[in-house]
C-alpha atoms as a PDB file:
ATOM      1  CA  UNK A   1      78.746 -25.713 -45.636  1.00  0.00           C
ATOM      2  CA  UNK A   2      78.899 -28.897 -43.113  1.00  0.00           C
ATOM      3  CA  UNK A   3      75.513 -27.428 -41.623  1.00  0.00           C
ATOM      4  CA  UNK A   4      72.864 -29.922 -43.046  1.00  0.00           C
ATOM      5  CA  UNK A   5      75.306 -33.018 -42.157  1.00  0.00           C
ATOM      6  CA  UNK A   6      76.142 -31.237 -38.753  1.00  0.00           C
ATOM      7  CA  UNK A   7      72.800 -30.903 -37.992  1.00  0.00           C
ATOM      8  CA  UNK A   8      70.823 -34.014 -38.622  1.00  0.00           C
ATOM      9  CA  UNK A   9      74.535 -35.764 -37.162  1.00  0.00           C
ATOM     10  CA  UNK A  10      72.466 -34.207 -34.019  1.00  0.00           C
ATOM     11  CA  UNK A  11      69.137 -35.168 -34.581  1.00  0.00           C
ATOM     12  CA  UNK A  12      68.436 -31.102 -34.640  1.00  0.00           C
ATOM     13  CA  UNK A  13      65.084 -29.716 -36.866  1.00  0.00           C
ATOM     14  CA  UNK A  14      65.967 -26.992 -38.644  1.00  0.00           C
ATOM     15  CA  UNK A  15      63.059 -24.973 -36.471  1.00  0.00           C
ATOM     16  CA  UNK A  16      64.895 -26.100 -33.162  1.00  0.00           C
ATOM     17  CA  UNK A  17      68.245 -24.296 -34.880  1.00  0.00           C
ATOM     18  CA  UNK A  18      66.795 -21.282 -35.577  1.00  0.00           C
ATOM     19  CA  UNK A  19      65.094 -20.975 -32.429  1.00  0.00           C
ATOM     20  CA  UNK A  20      68.280 -21.543 -30.415  1.00  0.00           C
ATOM     21  CA  UNK A  21      70.295 -19.090 -32.696  1.00  0.00           C
ATOM     22  CA  UNK A  22      67.632 -16.375 -33.339  1.00  0.00           C
ATOM     23  CA  UNK A  23      67.214 -17.043 -36.735  1.00  0.00           C
ATOM     24  CA  UNK A  24      64.598 -17.478 -39.061  1.00  0.00           C
ATOM     25  CA  UNK A  25      63.964 -21.422 -40.319  1.00  0.00           C
ATOM     26  CA  UNK A  26      63.615 -20.583 -43.769  1.00  0.00           C
ATOM     27  CA  UNK A  27      67.214 -19.001 -43.218  1.00  0.00           C
ATOM     28  CA  UNK A  28      68.361 -22.031 -42.153  1.00  0.00           C
ATOM     29  CA  UNK A  29      67.472 -24.026 -45.110  1.00  0.00           C
ATOM     30  CA  UNK A  30      69.028 -21.403 -47.059  1.00  0.00           C
ATOM     31  CA  UNK A  31      72.315 -21.803 -46.026  1.00  0.00           C
ATOM     32  CA  UNK A  32      71.797 -26.035 -46.561  1.00  0.00           C
ATOM     33  CA  UNK A  33      71.415 -25.382 -49.634  1.00  0.00           C
ATOM     34  CA  UNK A  34      73.440 -22.580 -50.554  1.00  0.00           C
ATOM     35  CA  UNK A  35      70.815 -20.215 -52.191  1.00  0.00           C
ATOM     36  CA  UNK A  36      72.129 -17.657 -49.475  1.00  0.00           C
ATOM     37  CA  UNK A  37      75.496 -17.461 -47.166  1.00  0.00           C
ATOM     38  CA  UNK A  38      76.075 -16.639 -43.406  1.00  0.00           C
ATOM     39  CA  UNK A  39      77.251 -13.281 -42.291  1.00  0.00           C
ATOM     40  CA  UNK A  40      80.686 -13.629 -39.921  1.00  0.00           C
ATOM     41  CA  UNK A  41      78.754 -13.330 -36.892  1.00  0.00           C
ATOM     42  CA  UNK A  42      76.180 -16.041 -37.883  1.00  0.00           C
ATOM     43  CA  UNK A  43      79.367 -18.286 -38.777  1.00  0.00           C
ATOM     44  CA  UNK A  44      80.791 -17.794 -35.694  1.00  0.00           C
ATOM     45  CA  UNK A  45      77.302 -18.436 -34.052  1.00  0.00           C
ATOM     46  CA  UNK A  46      77.106 -21.919 -35.523  1.00  0.00           C
ATOM     47  CA  UNK A  47      80.353 -22.877 -35.521  1.00  0.00           C
ATOM     48  CA  UNK A  48      79.845 -22.341 -31.593  1.00  0.00           C
ATOM     49  CA  UNK A  49      76.265 -23.679 -31.441  1.00  0.00           C
ATOM     50  CA  UNK A  50      77.843 -27.338 -33.113  1.00  0.00           C
ATOM     51  CA  UNK A  51      81.779 -26.542 -30.863  1.00  0.00           C
ATOM     52  CA  UNK A  52      83.363 -27.463 -34.432  1.00  0.00           C
ATOM     53  CA  UNK A  53      85.895 -24.812 -35.912  1.00  0.00           C
ATOM     54  CA  UNK A  54      84.969 -22.053 -38.881  1.00  0.00           C
ATOM     55  CA  UNK A  55      86.701 -23.828 -41.397  1.00  0.00           C
ATOM     56  CA  UNK A  56      85.557 -27.442 -40.545  1.00  0.00           C
ATOM     57  CA  UNK A  57      82.115 -25.974 -41.268  1.00  0.00           C
ATOM     58  CA  UNK A  58      82.921 -23.732 -44.449  1.00  0.00           C
ATOM     59  CA  UNK A  59      84.857 -27.381 -45.755  1.00  0.00           C
ATOM     60  CA  UNK A  60      88.318 -25.749 -45.290  1.00  0.00           C
ATOM     61  CA  UNK A  61      89.625 -28.699 -43.352  1.00  0.00           C
ATOM     62  CA  UNK A  62      88.385 -32.226 -42.113  1.00  0.00           C
ATOM     63  CA  UNK A  63      89.267 -31.063 -38.365  1.00  0.00           C
ATOM     64  CA  UNK A  64      86.453 -30.370 -36.985  1.00  0.00           C
ATOM     65  CA  UNK A  65      88.451 -29.394 -33.539  1.00  0.00           C
ATOM     66  CA  UNK A  66      88.613 -25.588 -32.569  1.00  0.00           C
ATOM     67  CA  UNK A  67      91.879 -24.493 -32.136  1.00  0.00           C
ATOM     68  CA  UNK A  68      92.022 -21.810 -28.939  1.00  0.00           C
END
């Protein structure tokens, strides 16, 4: 998942992101390291947070744009 890349690109700490999304910092760390996978609703929240598509977040495409 591109989570770490997106977070670092925006210069957001794991703690800030976790607080913004109402998650634990440890959860963000586990998502980034691949130890844990986000559920469907959390994927939507993360994609909305970075304004990217879920497919981009999951590396299914290199196009970050959201199709609405």
